[in-house]
Protein backbone atom coordinates (compact mmCIF):
# COMPACT_ATOMS: atom_id res chain seq x y z
CA UNK A 1 0.00 0.00 0.00
CA UNK A 2 1.34 3.42 -0.98
CA UNK A 3 2.37 5.73 1.85
CA UNK A 4 1.75 9.50 1.52
CA UNK A 5 5.08 11.27 1.14
CA UNK A 6 4.64 14.20 3.53
CA UNK A 7 4.11 12.33 6.84
CA UNK A 8 6.67 9.71 5.80
CA UNK A 9 9.30 12.37 5.14
CA UNK A 10 8.38 14.21 8.36
CA UNK A 11 9.06 11.05 10.36
CA UNK A 12 12.32 10.46 8.49
CA UNK A 13 13.39 14.06 9.16
CA UNK A 14 12.65 13.70 12.87
CA UNK A 15 14.74 10.53 12.98
CA UNK A 16 17.63 12.14 11.10
CA UNK A 17 17.59 15.24 13.30
CA UNK A 18 17.71 13.07 16.40
CA UNK A 19 20.65 10.95 15.28
CA UNK A 20 22.78 13.39 13.23
CA UNK A 21 24.59 15.78 15.65
CA UNK A 22 25.57 18.28 12.96
CA UNK A 23 21.90 18.89 12.03
CA UNK A 24 20.03 21.23 14.39
CA UNK A 25 16.71 20.93 12.63
CA UNK A 26 15.18 18.87 9.83
CA UNK A 27 11.68 19.59 8.55
CA UNK A 28 9.45 18.47 5.68
CA UNK A 29 6.73 20.83 4.50
CA UNK A 30 4.21 20.78 1.64
CA UNK A 31 5.36 22.51 -1.51
CA UNK A 32 3.55 23.15 -4.76
CA UNK A 33 6.01 20.84 -6.56
CA UNK A 34 6.13 18.10 -3.92
CA UNK A 35 7.73 18.29 -0.47
CA UNK A 36 10.32 20.84 0.72
CA UNK A 37 12.95 19.38 3.07
CA UNK A 38 14.98 21.91 5.10
CA UNK A 39 18.12 20.98 7.02
CA UNK A 40 19.38 23.54 9.56
CA UNK A 41 23.14 23.43 10.12
CA UNK A 42 25.47 25.46 12.33
CA UNK A 43 26.31 27.99 9.59
CA UNK A 44 23.10 28.07 7.60
CA UNK A 45 20.54 25.81 5.98
CA UNK A 46 20.22 23.59 2.94
CA UNK A 47 16.97 22.77 1.18
CA UNK A 48 15.91 19.80 -0.92
CA UNK A 49 12.82 19.48 -3.07
CA UNK A 50 11.36 15.98 -3.30
CA UNK A 51 9.24 15.64 -6.45
CA UNK A 52 7.49 12.97 -8.50
CA UNK A 53 9.94 10.94 -10.55
CA UNK A 54 11.17 11.89 -14.01
CA UNK A 55 11.50 15.59 -13.26
CA UNK A 56 14.32 17.50 -14.96
CA UNK A 57 17.16 18.90 -12.89
CA UNK A 58 17.09 16.21 -10.22
CA UNK A 59 20.20 15.98 -8.06
CA UNK A 60 19.43 12.38 -7.11
CA UNK A 61 16.64 9.80 -7.25
CA UNK A 62 15.14 7.25 -4.89
CA UNK A 63 12.74 4.43 -5.69
CA UNK A 64 9.73 6.75 -5.44
CA UNK A 65 10.91 10.30 -6.09
CA UNK A 66 13.45 12.67 -7.56
CA UNK A 67 15.33 15.05 -5.26
CA UNK A 68 16.69 18.44 -6.29
CA UNK A 69 18.78 20.95 -4.35
CA UNK A 70 16.47 23.93 -3.85
CA UNK A 71 17.16 27.61 -3.22
CA UNK A 72 14.01 29.28 -1.80
CA UNK A 73 13.66 33.09 -2.01
CA UNK A 74 15.78 34.72 0.70
CA UNK A 75 17.89 31.64 1.33
CA UNK A 76 21.60 32.23 1.85
CA UNK A 77 24.50 30.33 0.28
CA UNK A 78 24.96 26.68 1.12
CA UNK A 79 27.21 26.28 4.20
CA UNK A 80 30.55 24.54 3.82
CA UNK A 81 29.31 21.20 5.15
CA UNK A 82 26.03 21.47 3.24
CA UNK A 83 26.89 19.16 0.36
CA UNK A 84 28.13 16.45 2.73
CA UNK A 85 24.87 16.62 4.71
CA UNK A 86 22.86 16.54 1.48
CA UNK A 87 24.66 13.38 0.35
CA UNK A 88 24.18 11.74 3.76
CA UNK A 89 20.47 12.57 3.85
CA UNK A 90 19.88 11.38 0.29
CA UNK A 91 21.70 8.13 1.10
CA UNK A 92 19.27 7.69 4.02
CA UNK A 93 16.35 8.43 1.70
CA UNK A 94 17.55 5.87 -0.82
CA UNK A 95 17.87 3.17 1.85
CA UNK A 96 14.48 3.94 3.41
CA UNK A 97 12.42 4.35 0.22
CA UNK A 98 11.17 0.93 -0.94
CA UNK A 99 9.21 2.33 -3.87
CA UNK A 100 5.92 2.59 -1.99
CA UNK A 101 5.93 6.33 -1.20
CA UNK A 102 3.30 8.38 -3.04
CA UNK A 103 4.42 11.91 -3.82
CA UNK A 104 2.48 14.36 -5.94
CA UNK A 105 2.80 17.88 -7.28
CA UNK A 106 -0.10 20.23 -6.71
CA UNK A 107 1.02 22.38 -9.64
CA UNK A 108 -1.41 25.18 -8.76
CA UNK A 109 0.40 28.45 -8.20
CA UNK A 110 4.00 27.47 -7.80
CA UNK A 111 5.59 29.88 -10.27
CA UNK A 112 5.43 33.68 -10.02
CA UNK A 113 3.18 35.12 -12.69
CA UNK A 114 0.98 32.02 -12.83
CA UNK A 115 -2.61 33.20 -12.42
CA UNK A 116 -4.60 30.15 -13.47
CA UNK A 117 -6.53 28.82 -10.49
CA UNK A 118 -6.96 25.07 -10.08
CA UNK A 119 -9.37 23.79 -7.43
CA UNK A 120 -9.14 20.39 -5.76
CA UNK A 121 -12.23 18.20 -5.66
CA UNK A 122 -13.58 16.79 -2.39
CA UNK A 123 -11.67 13.51 -2.71
CA UNK A 124 -8.38 15.29 -3.41
CA UNK A 125 -9.00 17.68 -0.50
CA UNK A 126 -9.65 14.75 1.85
CA UNK A 127 -6.42 13.09 0.74
CA UNK A 128 -4.50 16.33 1.22
CA UNK A 129 -5.88 16.64 4.76
CA UNK A 130 -4.68 13.13 5.55
CA UNK A 131 -1.23 13.79 4.10
CA UNK A 132 -0.94 17.10 5.96
CA UNK A 133 -2.34 15.93 9.30
CA UNK A 134 0.85 16.69 11.23
CA UNK A 135 1.31 20.08 9.56
CA UNK A 136 -2.32 21.03 10.26
CA UNK A 137 -1.97 19.99 13.88
CA UNK A 138 1.06 22.27 14.30
CA UNK A 139 -0.86 25.05 12.52
CA UNK A 140 -3.75 24.68 14.98
CA UNK A 141 -1.25 25.00 17.85
CA UNK A 142 0.13 28.19 16.32
CA UNK A 143 -3.41 29.53 15.79
CA UNK A 144 -4.21 28.80 19.43
CA UNK A 145 -1.16 30.72 20.68
CA UNK A 146 -1.99 33.67 18.43
CA UNK A 147 -5.57 33.63 19.71
CA UNK A 148 -4.49 33.48 23.35
CA UNK A 149 -1.72 36.07 23.22
CA UNK A 150 -2.65 38.47 20.39
CA UNK A 151 1.08 38.90 19.73
CA UNK A 152 2.04 41.20 16.85
CA UNK A 153 4.51 39.18 14.77
CA UNK A 154 5.51 42.08 12.51
CA UNK A 155 7.92 43.53 15.07
CA UNK A 156 10.72 45.58 13.49
CA UNK A 157 9.48 44.63 10.00
CA UNK A 158 6.23 46.59 10.34
CA UNK A 159 7.16 48.85 7.41
CA UNK A 160 8.43 46.09 5.09
CA UNK A 161 6.14 45.63 2.09
CA UNK A 162 6.51 41.84 1.98
CA UNK A 163 5.75 41.48 5.68
CA UNK A 164 2.79 43.83 5.36
CA UNK A 165 1.50 41.83 2.39
CA UNK A 166 1.57 38.59 4.39
CA UNK A 167 -0.09 40.35 7.34
CA UNK A 168 -2.80 41.62 4.98
CA UNK A 169 -3.51 38.11 3.67
CA UNK A 170 -3.59 36.71 7.21
CA UNK A 171 -6.05 39.33 8.46
CA UNK A 172 -8.18 39.46 5.30
CA UNK A 173 -8.79 35.72 4.89
CA UNK A 174 -11.81 35.46 7.27
CA UNK A 175 -13.81 38.00 5.26
CA UNK A 176 -12.25 37.36 1.87
CA UNK A 177 -10.51 39.93 -0.31
CA UNK A 178 -10.15 41.28 -3.83
CA UNK A 179 -7.13 40.22 -5.86
CA UNK A 180 -7.28 43.54 -7.72
CA UNK A 181 -7.24 45.51 -4.47
CA UNK A 182 -4.24 43.49 -3.34
CA UNK A 183 -2.40 44.20 -6.62
CA UNK A 184 -3.14 47.92 -6.34
CA UNK A 185 -1.79 48.03 -2.79
CA UNK A 186 1.27 45.78 -3.07
CA UNK A 187 2.05 45.71 -6.79
CA UNK A 188 1.96 41.91 -7.07
CA UNK A 189 -0.52 39.07 -7.31
CA UNK A 190 -1.32 37.56 -3.89
CA UNK A 191 -0.27 34.11 -5.12
CA UNK A 192 3.11 35.58 -6.12
CA UNK A 193 3.61 36.78 -2.53
CA UNK A 194 2.47 33.52 -0.91
CA UNK A 195 2.51 30.77 -3.57
CA UNK A 196 2.87 27.85 -1.16
CA UNK A 197 0.02 29.10 1.03
CA UNK A 198 -2.29 29.34 -1.98
CA UNK A 199 -1.26 25.87 -3.14
CA UNK A 200 -1.95 24.38 0.29
CA UNK A 201 -5.26 26.17 0.87
CA UNK A 202 -6.54 25.33 -2.60
CA UNK A 203 -5.48 21.70 -2.15
CA UNK A 204 -7.44 21.59 1.12
CA UNK A 205 -10.48 23.35 -0.36
CA UNK A 206 -9.96 25.95 2.36
CA UNK A 207 -10.46 28.84 -0.06
CA UNK A 208 -12.44 29.43 -3.22
CA UNK A 209 -11.45 31.86 -5.96
CA UNK A 210 -14.13 33.29 -8.22
CA UNK A 211 -12.51 35.64 -10.70
CA UNK A 212 -11.26 38.56 -8.64
CA UNK A 213 -12.63 37.37 -5.29
CA UNK A 214 -10.84 35.11 -2.79
CA UNK A 215 -13.18 33.71 -0.15
CA UNK A 216 -12.72 31.30 2.74
CA UNK A 217 -14.58 28.01 2.52
CA UNK A 218 -13.56 26.59 5.90
CA UNK A 219 -16.27 24.61 7.69
CA UNK A 220 -15.53 25.98 11.19
CA UNK A 221 -13.98 28.93 12.97
CA UNK A 222 -11.09 26.82 14.26
CA UNK A 223 -10.34 25.57 10.75
CA UNK A 224 -10.34 29.14 9.46
CA UNK A 225 -7.97 30.29 12.23
CA UNK A 226 -5.70 27.33 11.46
CA UNK A 227 -5.67 28.08 7.72
CA UNK A 228 -4.82 31.73 8.37
CA UNK A 229 -1.41 30.70 9.73
CA UNK A 230 -0.31 29.52 6.28
CA UNK A 231 -0.28 33.18 5.20
CA UNK A 232 2.37 34.11 7.76
CA UNK A 233 5.66 35.07 6.16
CA UNK A 234 8.78 32.99 6.90
CA UNK A 235 9.96 35.75 9.29
CA UNK A 236 6.60 35.88 11.06
CA UNK A 237 6.45 32.11 11.36
CA UNK A 238 10.04 32.05 12.62
CA UNK A 239 9.18 34.61 15.29
CA UNK A 240 6.18 32.54 16.37
CA UNK A 241 8.20 29.33 16.54
CA UNK A 242 10.90 31.07 18.58
CA UNK A 243 8.23 32.10 21.08
CA UNK A 244 6.20 28.91 21.34
CA UNK A 245 7.60 25.88 19.53
CA UNK A 246 9.14 24.48 22.72
CA UNK A 247 5.60 24.17 24.14
CA UNK A 248 4.26 22.08 21.25
CA UNK A 249 3.06 18.58 22.14
CA UNK A 250 1.81 16.36 19.26
CA UNK A 251 -0.41 14.42 21.69
CA UNK A 252 -2.55 17.45 22.69
CA UNK A 253 -5.85 18.13 20.93
CA UNK A 254 -5.10 21.69 19.83
CA UNK A 255 -8.06 21.92 17.40
CA UNK A 256 -10.46 21.32 20.29
CA UNK A 257 -8.61 23.80 22.50
CA UNK A 258 -8.72 26.34 19.67
CA UNK A 259 -12.45 25.76 19.26
CA UNK A 260 -12.99 26.42 22.99
CA UNK A 261 -10.79 29.54 22.91
CA UNK A 262 -12.64 30.99 19.91
CA UNK A 263 -16.01 30.25 21.49
CA UNK A 264 -14.93 31.97 24.70
CA UNK A 265 -13.75 35.01 22.75
CA UNK A 266 -17.05 35.12 20.88
């Protein structure tokens, strides 16, 4: 039976982080082209993009996927020991992958300037929820902390256009927003500012896009608060994780706690 790639890679990353002393953090996150793997080292980070097989530009291949070295926007140069760590991690991937890992590309809004909107059907959305269960659980924890503390994550970046654009998307999601109004204010398409967030939310059927209008389609207030966190910028998310990540417990029912907190606020 095929195993969904995201939770499988998240478990593999956790194992690698635990047993490789030179790696301070190893994460796997959904990406429009597959799964983004980030390895935090002492002098920087390296990023790998796991994609369906037979993609061009692959650095290496396993039984189920191709793996490319990735350079996300804002990423610094690869640290000196980066290539060694990449080779070690790929060797682990190749040993662990028995050809039964299912990886897919959403292919929705991954490239800047791509404005075609592709919606997932109910079956695809259900599968995406299953594959992203761990990521959604962490997002509900983050939403709970934001609800409880009302912390402003902009900090010293309050005047930065990119940070303001992410803050706009975060705050505007509950009521929906106009893509044209966003373009007029920030000079870019919203899915150019936050391509991964749009890919994820479309894959989950968490938003609907009708021409110019972006509207939430979440079934509950706690789902909506959880989905908002995907619009946080990398800096905003990093600030939140620095504040609260040490408190996270995967065994706690954060969606239910978030539901209670939102009901109390209401």
